[in-house]
Amino acid sequence: MTGSLPHRRVVTAGEHVLTAQEALEPLYMELEQEVETRLVQAAVSAGWSADEALEAIDELKRHEVLSMVGEED
């Protein structure tokens, strides 16, 4: 019954191995999309329009980036 199990190939030392970023980026993007969807749903449930919610999310992202840049100085 091993035919139903996914085939996993062993990577040898000479083969390309993904960087951590390459391995995590698809999951990160998926989670980011899920978070944004939930935030929009919550905002719409609270009476905001979807456009207002997306603008607020974009503003939060800008604020986060600016605060991270300020911490590096």
C-alpha atoms as a PDB file:
ATOM      1  CA  MET A   1       0.000   0.000   0.000  1.00  0.00           C
ATOM      2  CA  THR A   2       2.965   2.348  -0.267  1.00  0.00           C
ATOM      3  CA  GLY A   3       1.634   3.458  -3.660  1.00  0.00           C
ATOM      4  CA  SER A   4      -0.712   5.926  -1.960  1.00  0.00           C
ATOM      5  CA  LEU A   5       2.111   7.667  -0.089  1.00  0.00           C
ATOM      6  CA  PRO A   6       3.742  10.680  -1.745  1.00  0.00           C
ATOM      7  CA  HIS A   7       7.136   9.891  -3.253  1.00  0.00           C
ATOM      8  CA  ARG A   8       9.908  11.813  -1.514  1.00  0.00           C
ATOM      9  CA  ARG A   9      13.325  11.917  -3.100  1.00  0.00           C
ATOM     10  CA  VAL A  10      16.390  12.208  -0.894  1.00  0.00           C
ATOM     11  CA  VAL A  11      18.498  15.256  -1.758  1.00  0.00           C
ATOM     12  CA  THR A  12      22.212  14.600  -1.908  1.00  0.00           C
ATOM     13  CA  ALA A  13      24.854  17.078  -0.778  1.00  0.00           C
ATOM     14  CA  GLY A  14      25.748  18.089  -4.336  1.00  0.00           C
ATOM     15  CA  GLU A  15      22.210  19.026  -5.341  1.00  0.00           C
ATOM     16  CA  HIS A  16      20.631  22.436  -5.034  1.00  0.00           C
ATOM     17  CA  VAL A  17      18.887  22.958  -1.731  1.00  0.00           C
ATOM     18  CA  LEU A  18      16.337  25.720  -1.314  1.00  0.00           C
ATOM     19  CA  THR A  19      17.253  28.690   0.801  1.00  0.00           C
ATOM     20  CA  ALA A  20      15.051  29.326   3.797  1.00  0.00           C
ATOM     21  CA  GLN A  21      13.501  32.275   1.964  1.00  0.00           C
ATOM     22  CA  GLU A  22      12.706  30.162  -1.107  1.00  0.00           C
ATOM     23  CA  ALA A  23      11.138  27.487   1.069  1.00  0.00           C
ATOM     24  CA  LEU A  24       9.094  29.844   3.261  1.00  0.00           C
ATOM     25  CA  GLU A  25       8.012  32.495   0.768  1.00  0.00           C
ATOM     26  CA  PRO A  26       5.017  30.596  -0.712  1.00  0.00           C
ATOM     27  CA  LEU A  27       3.646  29.861   2.761  1.00  0.00           C
ATOM     28  CA  TYR A  28       4.276  33.438   3.889  1.00  0.00           C
ATOM     29  CA  MET A  29       2.400  34.810   0.864  1.00  0.00           C
ATOM     30  CA  GLU A  30      -0.493  32.419   1.464  1.00  0.00           C
ATOM     31  CA  LEU A  31      -0.733  33.407   5.133  1.00  0.00           C
ATOM     32  CA  GLU A  32      -0.498  37.105   4.268  1.00  0.00           C
ATOM     33  CA  GLN A  33      -3.405  36.718   1.826  1.00  0.00           C
ATOM     34  CA  GLU A  34      -5.452  34.828   4.419  1.00  0.00           C
ATOM     35  CA  VAL A  35      -4.820  37.525   7.037  1.00  0.00           C
ATOM     36  CA  GLU A  36      -5.811  40.283   4.614  1.00  0.00           C
ATOM     37  CA  THR A  37      -8.995  38.417   3.666  1.00  0.00           C
ATOM     38  CA  ARG A  38      -9.956  38.010   7.324  1.00  0.00           C
ATOM     39  CA  LEU A  39      -9.225  41.661   8.060  1.00  0.00           C
ATOM     40  CA  VAL A  40     -11.435  42.786   5.167  1.00  0.00           C
ATOM     41  CA  GLN A  41     -14.207  40.430   6.275  1.00  0.00           C
ATOM     42  CA  ALA A  42     -14.038  41.781   9.824  1.00  0.00           C
ATOM     43  CA  ALA A  43     -14.063  45.376   8.618  1.00  0.00           C
ATOM     44  CA  VAL A  44     -17.021  44.759   6.304  1.00  0.00           C
ATOM     45  CA  SER A  45     -18.878  43.039   9.162  1.00  0.00           C
ATOM     46  CA  ALA A  46     -18.226  46.164  11.246  1.00  0.00           C
ATOM     47  CA  GLY A  47     -19.794  48.359   8.567  1.00  0.00           C
ATOM     48  CA  TRP A  48     -16.769  49.477   6.552  1.00  0.00           C
ATOM     49  CA  SER A  49     -16.657  49.146   2.780  1.00  0.00           C
ATOM     50  CA  ALA A  50     -14.148  46.717   1.296  1.00  0.00           C
ATOM     51  CA  ASP A  51     -12.294  49.682  -0.243  1.00  0.00           C
ATOM     52  CA  GLU A  52     -12.044  51.407   3.149  1.00  0.00           C
ATOM     53  CA  ALA A  53     -10.749  48.196   4.684  1.00  0.00           C
ATOM     54  CA  LEU A  54      -8.092  47.768   1.989  1.00  0.00           C
ATOM     55  CA  GLU A  55      -7.003  51.398   2.404  1.00  0.00           C
ATOM     56  CA  ALA A  56      -6.686  50.883   6.169  1.00  0.00           C
ATOM     57  CA  ILE A  57      -4.658  47.690   5.645  1.00  0.00           C
ATOM     58  CA  ASP A  58      -2.354  49.494   3.199  1.00  0.00           C
ATOM     59  CA  GLU A  59      -1.881  52.309   5.717  1.00  0.00           C
ATOM     60  CA  LEU A  60      -1.001  49.792   8.438  1.00  0.00           C
ATOM     61  CA  LYS A  61       1.561  48.175   6.126  1.00  0.00           C
ATOM     62  CA  ARG A  62       3.106  51.581   5.300  1.00  0.00           C
ATOM     63  CA  HIS A  63       3.281  52.421   9.002  1.00  0.00           C
ATOM     64  CA  GLU A  64       4.939  49.069   9.745  1.00  0.00           C
ATOM     65  CA  VAL A  65       7.548  49.587   7.026  1.00  0.00           C
ATOM     66  CA  LEU A  66       8.286  53.120   8.193  1.00  0.00           C
ATOM     67  CA  SER A  67       8.646  51.996  11.809  1.00  0.00           C
ATOM     68  CA  MET A  68      11.039  49.229  10.749  1.00  0.00           C
ATOM     69  CA  VAL A  69      13.129  51.729   8.766  1.00  0.00           C
ATOM     70  CA  GLY A  70      13.206  54.020  11.804  1.00  0.00           C
ATOM     71  CA  GLU A  71      14.467  51.200  14.003  1.00  0.00           C
ATOM     72  CA  GLU A  72      17.434  50.590  11.671  1.00  0.00           C
ATOM     73  CA  ASP A  73      18.791  54.126  12.086  1.00  0.00           C
END
